[in-house]
Amino acid sequence: MDSRYFRLFYKGLLWLFVAHTSCVAIGLFVLPGSYLPYFGFEGYQGRFFQMQAGVFHLVMGVAYLLAIYHGEREAWFVYFAVLAKSIAFLFLVIYFVLFEQIWMVIFSACADGGMGLLLLLIYRRLKQTA
């Protein structure tokens, strides 16, 4: 396959990251705390950490946009995105194993780990075919 295919896949994947992280951020901002038990979070009160996580997701959305527009010239943008997904994966797995067995935590860990690995593999193939 040629580099156009991998470039399209690479950019499409990162646009999915942007859409995903934006939706998560919006969900965190607008979701009432009374809905958190549906996601496995029991007894949580207050909005600070929910809002903080929403802002974090918006910041990551900006990082993914930078990888879309500058990642082919500046590889560190892409590697930062992969590193962020890897750190999220490790944190979520450790949290799940050591603290609270919340289904959304382990689901998010698997999703972040898969997205990071897929981005790394696609980016490497893109660079090999370019």
N, C-alpha and C. Protein backbone atom coordinates (compact mmCIF):
# COMPACT_ATOMS: atom_id res chain seq x y z
N MET A 1 0.83 -1.18 0.00
CA MET A 1 0.00 0.00 0.00
C MET A 1 0.87 1.24 0.00
N ASP A 2 0.36 2.29 -0.58
CA ASP A 2 1.17 3.50 -0.67
C ASP A 2 0.91 4.44 0.50
N SER A 3 1.69 5.50 0.55
CA SER A 3 1.63 6.41 1.69
C SER A 3 0.30 7.17 1.76
N ARG A 4 -0.38 7.34 0.63
CA ARG A 4 -1.68 8.05 0.67
C ARG A 4 -2.68 7.31 1.55
N TYR A 5 -2.69 5.99 1.46
CA TYR A 5 -3.59 5.18 2.28
C TYR A 5 -3.28 5.37 3.76
N PHE A 6 -2.00 5.26 4.11
CA PHE A 6 -1.62 5.39 5.52
C PHE A 6 -1.82 6.82 6.01
N ARG A 7 -1.59 7.81 5.15
CA ARG A 7 -1.84 9.21 5.53
C ARG A 7 -3.32 9.42 5.82
N LEU A 8 -4.17 8.87 4.99
CA LEU A 8 -5.62 8.99 5.20
C LEU A 8 -6.03 8.28 6.49
N PHE A 9 -5.51 7.09 6.71
CA PHE A 9 -5.82 6.34 7.92
C PHE A 9 -5.30 7.07 9.16
N TYR A 10 -4.07 7.58 9.07
CA TYR A 10 -3.45 8.32 10.17
C TYR A 10 -4.29 9.55 10.54
N LYS A 11 -4.64 10.34 9.56
CA LYS A 11 -5.41 11.56 9.83
C LYS A 11 -6.84 11.21 10.27
N GLY A 12 -7.43 10.21 9.67
CA GLY A 12 -8.76 9.80 10.07
C GLY A 12 -8.79 9.30 11.51
N LEU A 13 -7.77 8.53 11.88
CA LEU A 13 -7.68 8.03 13.24
C LEU A 13 -7.55 9.18 14.24
N LEU A 14 -6.70 10.15 13.92
CA LEU A 14 -6.55 11.29 14.82
C LEU A 14 -7.82 12.14 14.89
N TRP A 15 -8.55 12.27 13.78
CA TRP A 15 -9.83 12.98 13.83
C TRP A 15 -10.82 12.23 14.72
N LEU A 16 -10.76 10.89 14.70
CA LEU A 16 -11.60 10.12 15.63
C LEU A 16 -11.19 10.38 17.08
N PHE A 17 -9.89 10.51 17.33
CA PHE A 17 -9.41 10.86 18.67
C PHE A 17 -9.98 12.21 19.09
N VAL A 18 -9.93 13.19 18.19
CA VAL A 18 -10.45 14.53 18.49
C VAL A 18 -11.94 14.45 18.80
N ALA A 19 -12.68 13.73 17.97
CA ALA A 19 -14.13 13.60 18.20
C ALA A 19 -14.41 12.90 19.52
N HIS A 20 -13.69 11.81 19.78
CA HIS A 20 -13.87 11.06 21.02
C HIS A 20 -13.58 11.92 22.24
N THR A 21 -12.43 12.57 22.26
CA THR A 21 -12.04 13.35 23.43
C THR A 21 -12.95 14.56 23.62
N SER A 22 -13.44 15.13 22.52
CA SER A 22 -14.38 16.25 22.62
C SER A 22 -15.71 15.79 23.20
N CYS A 23 -16.17 14.64 22.75
CA CYS A 23 -17.44 14.11 23.28
C CYS A 23 -17.32 13.74 24.76
N VAL A 24 -16.19 13.16 25.13
CA VAL A 24 -15.98 12.84 26.54
C VAL A 24 -15.96 14.13 27.37
N ALA A 25 -15.26 15.16 26.87
CA ALA A 25 -15.20 16.43 27.59
C ALA A 25 -16.59 17.03 27.76
N ILE A 26 -17.34 17.07 26.70
CA ILE A 26 -18.70 17.63 26.77
C ILE A 26 -19.55 16.81 27.73
N GLY A 27 -19.43 15.49 27.63
CA GLY A 27 -20.18 14.63 28.54
C GLY A 27 -19.83 14.90 29.99
N LEU A 28 -18.55 15.07 30.27
CA LEU A 28 -18.13 15.35 31.64
C LEU A 28 -18.66 16.70 32.12
N PHE A 29 -18.71 17.67 31.22
CA PHE A 29 -19.22 18.99 31.59
C PHE A 29 -20.71 19.00 31.87
N VAL A 30 -21.48 18.28 31.06
CA VAL A 30 -22.94 18.41 31.14
C VAL A 30 -23.64 17.27 31.87
N LEU A 31 -22.96 16.15 32.07
CA LEU A 31 -23.60 15.00 32.71
C LEU A 31 -23.83 15.27 34.19
N PRO A 32 -25.06 15.24 34.62
CA PRO A 32 -25.32 15.42 36.06
C PRO A 32 -24.69 14.28 36.86
N GLY A 33 -24.24 14.60 38.05
CA GLY A 33 -23.62 13.60 38.92
C GLY A 33 -24.53 12.43 39.21
N SER A 34 -25.85 12.63 39.12
CA SER A 34 -26.79 11.54 39.40
C SER A 34 -26.71 10.42 38.36
N TYR A 35 -26.07 10.67 37.22
CA TYR A 35 -25.93 9.65 36.18
C TYR A 35 -24.65 8.83 36.32
N LEU A 36 -23.74 9.26 37.17
CA LEU A 36 -22.45 8.56 37.30
C LEU A 36 -22.58 7.10 37.71
N PRO A 37 -23.55 6.71 38.54
CA PRO A 37 -23.66 5.28 38.87
C PRO A 37 -23.87 4.38 37.64
N TYR A 38 -24.45 4.91 36.57
CA TYR A 38 -24.62 4.11 35.36
C TYR A 38 -23.27 3.74 34.74
N PHE A 39 -22.24 4.51 35.06
CA PHE A 39 -20.91 4.25 34.55
C PHE A 39 -20.02 3.56 35.58
N GLY A 40 -20.62 3.14 36.69
CA GLY A 40 -19.89 2.40 37.71
C GLY A 40 -19.34 3.25 38.84
N PHE A 41 -19.58 4.55 38.82
CA PHE A 41 -19.07 5.45 39.84
C PHE A 41 -20.15 5.69 40.89
N GLU A 42 -19.99 5.05 42.03
CA GLU A 42 -20.98 5.14 43.11
C GLU A 42 -20.52 6.13 44.16
N GLY A 43 -21.44 6.96 44.64
CA GLY A 43 -21.17 7.82 45.78
C GLY A 43 -20.29 9.03 45.51
N TYR A 44 -20.08 9.39 44.28
CA TYR A 44 -19.25 10.55 43.97
C TYR A 44 -20.09 11.81 44.09
N GLN A 45 -19.54 12.82 44.74
CA GLN A 45 -20.24 14.08 44.91
C GLN A 45 -19.31 15.21 44.49
N GLY A 46 -19.91 16.33 44.18
CA GLY A 46 -19.12 17.48 43.74
C GLY A 46 -18.89 17.41 42.24
N ARG A 47 -18.42 18.49 41.67
CA ARG A 47 -18.23 18.55 40.23
C ARG A 47 -16.79 18.86 39.83
N PHE A 48 -15.92 19.17 40.80
CA PHE A 48 -14.58 19.61 40.45
C PHE A 48 -13.83 18.60 39.59
N PHE A 49 -13.76 17.36 40.01
CA PHE A 49 -12.96 16.38 39.28
C PHE A 49 -13.59 16.04 37.93
N GLN A 50 -14.88 16.10 37.86
CA GLN A 50 -15.56 15.89 36.59
C GLN A 50 -15.21 17.03 35.62
N MET A 51 -15.22 18.26 36.10
CA MET A 51 -14.88 19.41 35.26
C MET A 51 -13.39 19.40 34.90
N GLN A 52 -12.55 19.06 35.86
CA GLN A 52 -11.12 19.00 35.60
C GLN A 52 -10.81 17.97 34.51
N ALA A 53 -11.44 16.81 34.59
CA ALA A 53 -11.23 15.77 33.57
C ALA A 53 -11.73 16.25 32.22
N GLY A 54 -12.82 17.02 32.20
CA GLY A 54 -13.32 17.57 30.95
C GLY A 54 -12.33 18.52 30.31
N VAL A 55 -11.74 19.39 31.12
CA VAL A 55 -10.73 20.33 30.60
C VAL A 55 -9.52 19.56 30.10
N PHE A 56 -9.09 18.54 30.83
CA PHE A 56 -7.97 17.71 30.39
C PHE A 56 -8.25 17.11 29.01
N HIS A 57 -9.46 16.62 28.80
CA HIS A 57 -9.80 16.04 27.50
C HIS A 57 -9.77 17.09 26.40
N LEU A 58 -10.18 18.31 26.69
CA LEU A 58 -10.09 19.37 25.68
C LEU A 58 -8.63 19.68 25.33
N VAL A 59 -7.77 19.70 26.34
CA VAL A 59 -6.34 19.93 26.10
C VAL A 59 -5.77 18.83 25.21
N MET A 60 -6.16 17.59 25.49
CA MET A 60 -5.68 16.49 24.66
C MET A 60 -6.23 16.60 23.23
N GLY A 61 -7.44 17.10 23.09
CA GLY A 61 -7.98 17.33 21.75
C GLY A 61 -7.11 18.28 20.95
N VAL A 62 -6.61 19.31 21.60
CA VAL A 62 -5.69 20.26 20.95
C VAL A 62 -4.40 19.54 20.56
N ALA A 63 -3.90 18.68 21.44
CA ALA A 63 -2.68 17.92 21.13
C ALA A 63 -2.90 17.03 19.91
N TYR A 64 -4.07 16.41 19.80
CA TYR A 64 -4.35 15.57 18.64
C TYR A 64 -4.46 16.41 17.37
N LEU A 65 -5.02 17.60 17.47
CA LEU A 65 -5.08 18.49 16.30
C LEU A 65 -3.67 18.89 15.85
N LEU A 66 -2.80 19.15 16.80
CA LEU A 66 -1.41 19.47 16.45
C LEU A 66 -0.75 18.29 15.74
N ALA A 67 -1.05 17.07 16.19
CA ALA A 67 -0.49 15.89 15.52
C ALA A 67 -1.05 15.74 14.11
N ILE A 68 -2.31 16.11 13.91
CA ILE A 68 -2.90 16.04 12.57
C ILE A 68 -2.18 16.99 11.62
N TYR A 69 -2.00 18.23 12.07
CA TYR A 69 -1.49 19.27 11.18
C TYR A 69 0.03 19.34 11.11
N HIS A 70 0.72 18.85 12.13
CA HIS A 70 2.18 18.99 12.15
C HIS A 70 2.92 17.67 12.36
N GLY A 71 2.19 16.58 12.58
CA GLY A 71 2.82 15.31 12.95
C GLY A 71 3.71 14.70 11.89
N GLU A 72 3.41 14.94 10.63
CA GLU A 72 4.25 14.35 9.58
C GLU A 72 5.61 15.04 9.50
N ARG A 73 5.65 16.32 9.85
CA ARG A 73 6.92 17.06 9.85
C ARG A 73 7.62 17.00 11.20
N GLU A 74 6.83 17.00 12.27
CA GLU A 74 7.37 17.00 13.63
C GLU A 74 6.84 15.77 14.36
N ALA A 75 7.62 14.71 14.35
CA ALA A 75 7.17 13.42 14.90
C ALA A 75 6.83 13.50 16.38
N TRP A 76 7.42 14.42 17.10
CA TRP A 76 7.18 14.46 18.55
C TRP A 76 5.72 14.74 18.88
N PHE A 77 4.99 15.43 17.99
CA PHE A 77 3.56 15.63 18.24
C PHE A 77 2.82 14.28 18.31
N VAL A 78 3.18 13.40 17.42
CA VAL A 78 2.55 12.08 17.38
C VAL A 78 3.01 11.26 18.57
N TYR A 79 4.29 11.29 18.85
CA TYR A 79 4.79 10.51 19.98
C TYR A 79 4.24 11.02 21.31
N PHE A 80 3.97 12.31 21.40
CA PHE A 80 3.31 12.84 22.59
C PHE A 80 1.92 12.25 22.74
N ALA A 81 1.18 12.17 21.64
CA ALA A 81 -0.17 11.58 21.68
C ALA A 81 -0.10 10.11 22.09
N VAL A 82 0.86 9.38 21.56
CA VAL A 82 1.04 7.96 21.92
C VAL A 82 1.43 7.85 23.39
N LEU A 83 2.32 8.71 23.84
CA LEU A 83 2.73 8.70 25.24
C LEU A 83 1.55 9.01 26.16
N ALA A 84 0.74 9.98 25.79
CA ALA A 84 -0.44 10.32 26.60
C ALA A 84 -1.38 9.13 26.70
N LYS A 85 -1.63 8.45 25.59
CA LYS A 85 -2.50 7.27 25.61
C LYS A 85 -1.88 6.16 26.45
N SER A 86 -0.57 6.00 26.39
CA SER A 86 0.12 4.97 27.16
C SER A 86 0.05 5.26 28.66
N ILE A 87 0.26 6.51 29.04
CA ILE A 87 0.18 6.90 30.44
C ILE A 87 -1.25 6.70 30.95
N ALA A 88 -2.23 7.09 30.14
CA ALA A 88 -3.63 6.89 30.53
C ALA A 88 -3.91 5.41 30.73
N PHE A 89 -3.43 4.57 29.82
CA PHE A 89 -3.63 3.12 29.93
C PHE A 89 -3.04 2.60 31.24
N LEU A 90 -1.80 2.95 31.51
CA LEU A 90 -1.14 2.46 32.73
C LEU A 90 -1.85 2.95 33.99
N PHE A 91 -2.17 4.22 34.03
CA PHE A 91 -2.86 4.77 35.19
C PHE A 91 -4.18 4.06 35.43
N LEU A 92 -4.97 3.91 34.38
CA LEU A 92 -6.29 3.31 34.53
C LEU A 92 -6.22 1.84 34.95
N VAL A 93 -5.28 1.10 34.39
CA VAL A 93 -5.12 -0.31 34.80
C VAL A 93 -4.69 -0.40 36.26
N ILE A 94 -3.72 0.41 36.64
CA ILE A 94 -3.25 0.39 38.03
C ILE A 94 -4.38 0.80 38.97
N TYR A 95 -5.11 1.83 38.61
CA TYR A 95 -6.22 2.28 39.44
C TYR A 95 -7.27 1.17 39.59
N PHE A 96 -7.59 0.54 38.48
CA PHE A 96 -8.59 -0.54 38.50
C PHE A 96 -8.13 -1.69 39.39
N VAL A 97 -6.88 -2.09 39.25
CA VAL A 97 -6.37 -3.24 40.00
C VAL A 97 -6.22 -2.93 41.49
N LEU A 98 -5.72 -1.74 41.81
CA LEU A 98 -5.38 -1.44 43.21
C LEU A 98 -6.48 -0.75 44.01
N PHE A 99 -7.39 -0.04 43.34
CA PHE A 99 -8.32 0.80 44.09
C PHE A 99 -9.80 0.45 43.88
N GLU A 100 -10.31 0.68 42.72
CA GLU A 100 -11.74 0.46 42.49
C GLU A 100 -11.95 -0.30 41.19
N GLN A 101 -12.72 -1.36 41.25
CA GLN A 101 -13.00 -2.17 40.06
C GLN A 101 -14.27 -1.62 39.38
N ILE A 102 -14.09 -0.49 38.74
CA ILE A 102 -15.18 0.18 38.03
C ILE A 102 -15.08 -0.20 36.56
N TRP A 103 -16.17 -0.69 35.99
CA TRP A 103 -16.14 -1.19 34.61
C TRP A 103 -15.70 -0.10 33.64
N MET A 104 -16.09 1.14 33.85
CA MET A 104 -15.73 2.21 32.92
C MET A 104 -14.23 2.50 32.96
N VAL A 105 -13.60 2.28 34.10
CA VAL A 105 -12.15 2.50 34.21
C VAL A 105 -11.40 1.50 33.36
N ILE A 106 -11.72 0.22 33.49
CA ILE A 106 -10.99 -0.79 32.70
C ILE A 106 -11.36 -0.70 31.22
N PHE A 107 -12.60 -0.35 30.92
CA PHE A 107 -13.00 -0.14 29.53
C PHE A 107 -12.20 1.01 28.92
N SER A 108 -12.07 2.10 29.66
CA SER A 108 -11.30 3.26 29.19
C SER A 108 -9.83 2.90 29.03
N ALA A 109 -9.31 2.09 29.94
CA ALA A 109 -7.91 1.65 29.83
C ALA A 109 -7.69 0.90 28.52
N CYS A 110 -8.57 -0.04 28.24
CA CYS A 110 -8.44 -0.82 27.00
C CYS A 110 -8.58 0.06 25.77
N ALA A 111 -9.52 0.99 25.82
CA ALA A 111 -9.72 1.89 24.68
C ALA A 111 -8.49 2.78 24.47
N ASP A 112 -7.98 3.38 25.54
CA ASP A 112 -6.80 4.24 25.40
C ASP A 112 -5.58 3.45 24.93
N GLY A 113 -5.38 2.28 25.50
CA GLY A 113 -4.25 1.45 25.07
C GLY A 113 -4.35 1.06 23.62
N GLY A 114 -5.54 0.66 23.19
CA GLY A 114 -5.74 0.29 21.79
C GLY A 114 -5.55 1.46 20.84
N MET A 115 -6.07 2.61 21.22
CA MET A 115 -5.93 3.79 20.36
C MET A 115 -4.47 4.20 20.24
N GLY A 116 -3.74 4.19 21.36
CA GLY A 116 -2.33 4.56 21.33
C GLY A 116 -1.51 3.61 20.48
N LEU A 117 -1.73 2.32 20.65
CA LEU A 117 -1.00 1.31 19.87
C LEU A 117 -1.32 1.43 18.38
N LEU A 118 -2.59 1.60 18.06
CA LEU A 118 -2.98 1.74 16.66
C LEU A 118 -2.36 2.99 16.03
N LEU A 119 -2.35 4.10 16.76
CA LEU A 119 -1.73 5.32 16.24
C LEU A 119 -0.24 5.09 15.99
N LEU A 120 0.43 4.46 16.92
CA LEU A 120 1.86 4.20 16.76
C LEU A 120 2.13 3.33 15.53
N LEU A 121 1.37 2.26 15.38
CA LEU A 121 1.57 1.35 14.24
C LEU A 121 1.29 2.04 12.90
N ILE A 122 0.20 2.78 12.85
CA ILE A 122 -0.15 3.48 11.60
C ILE A 122 0.87 4.55 11.28
N TYR A 123 1.32 5.30 12.28
CA TYR A 123 2.31 6.35 12.05
C TYR A 123 3.62 5.76 11.55
N ARG A 124 4.04 4.67 12.14
CA ARG A 124 5.29 4.03 11.69
C ARG A 124 5.17 3.56 10.24
N ARG A 125 4.04 2.98 9.89
CA ARG A 125 3.83 2.55 8.49
C ARG A 125 3.80 3.75 7.55
N LEU A 126 3.19 4.83 7.99
CA LEU A 126 3.17 6.05 7.17
C LEU A 126 4.58 6.53 6.91
N LYS A 127 5.40 6.57 7.94
CA LYS A 127 6.79 7.05 7.79
C LYS A 127 7.60 6.08 6.91
N GLN A 128 7.31 4.78 6.99
CA GLN A 128 8.04 3.81 6.17
C GLN A 128 7.69 3.95 4.70
N THR A 129 6.45 4.28 4.40
CA THR A 129 6.02 4.35 3.01
C THR A 129 6.25 5.71 2.39
N ALA A 130 6.55 6.71 3.22
CA ALA A 130 6.74 8.07 2.67
C ALA A 130 8.08 8.20 1.96
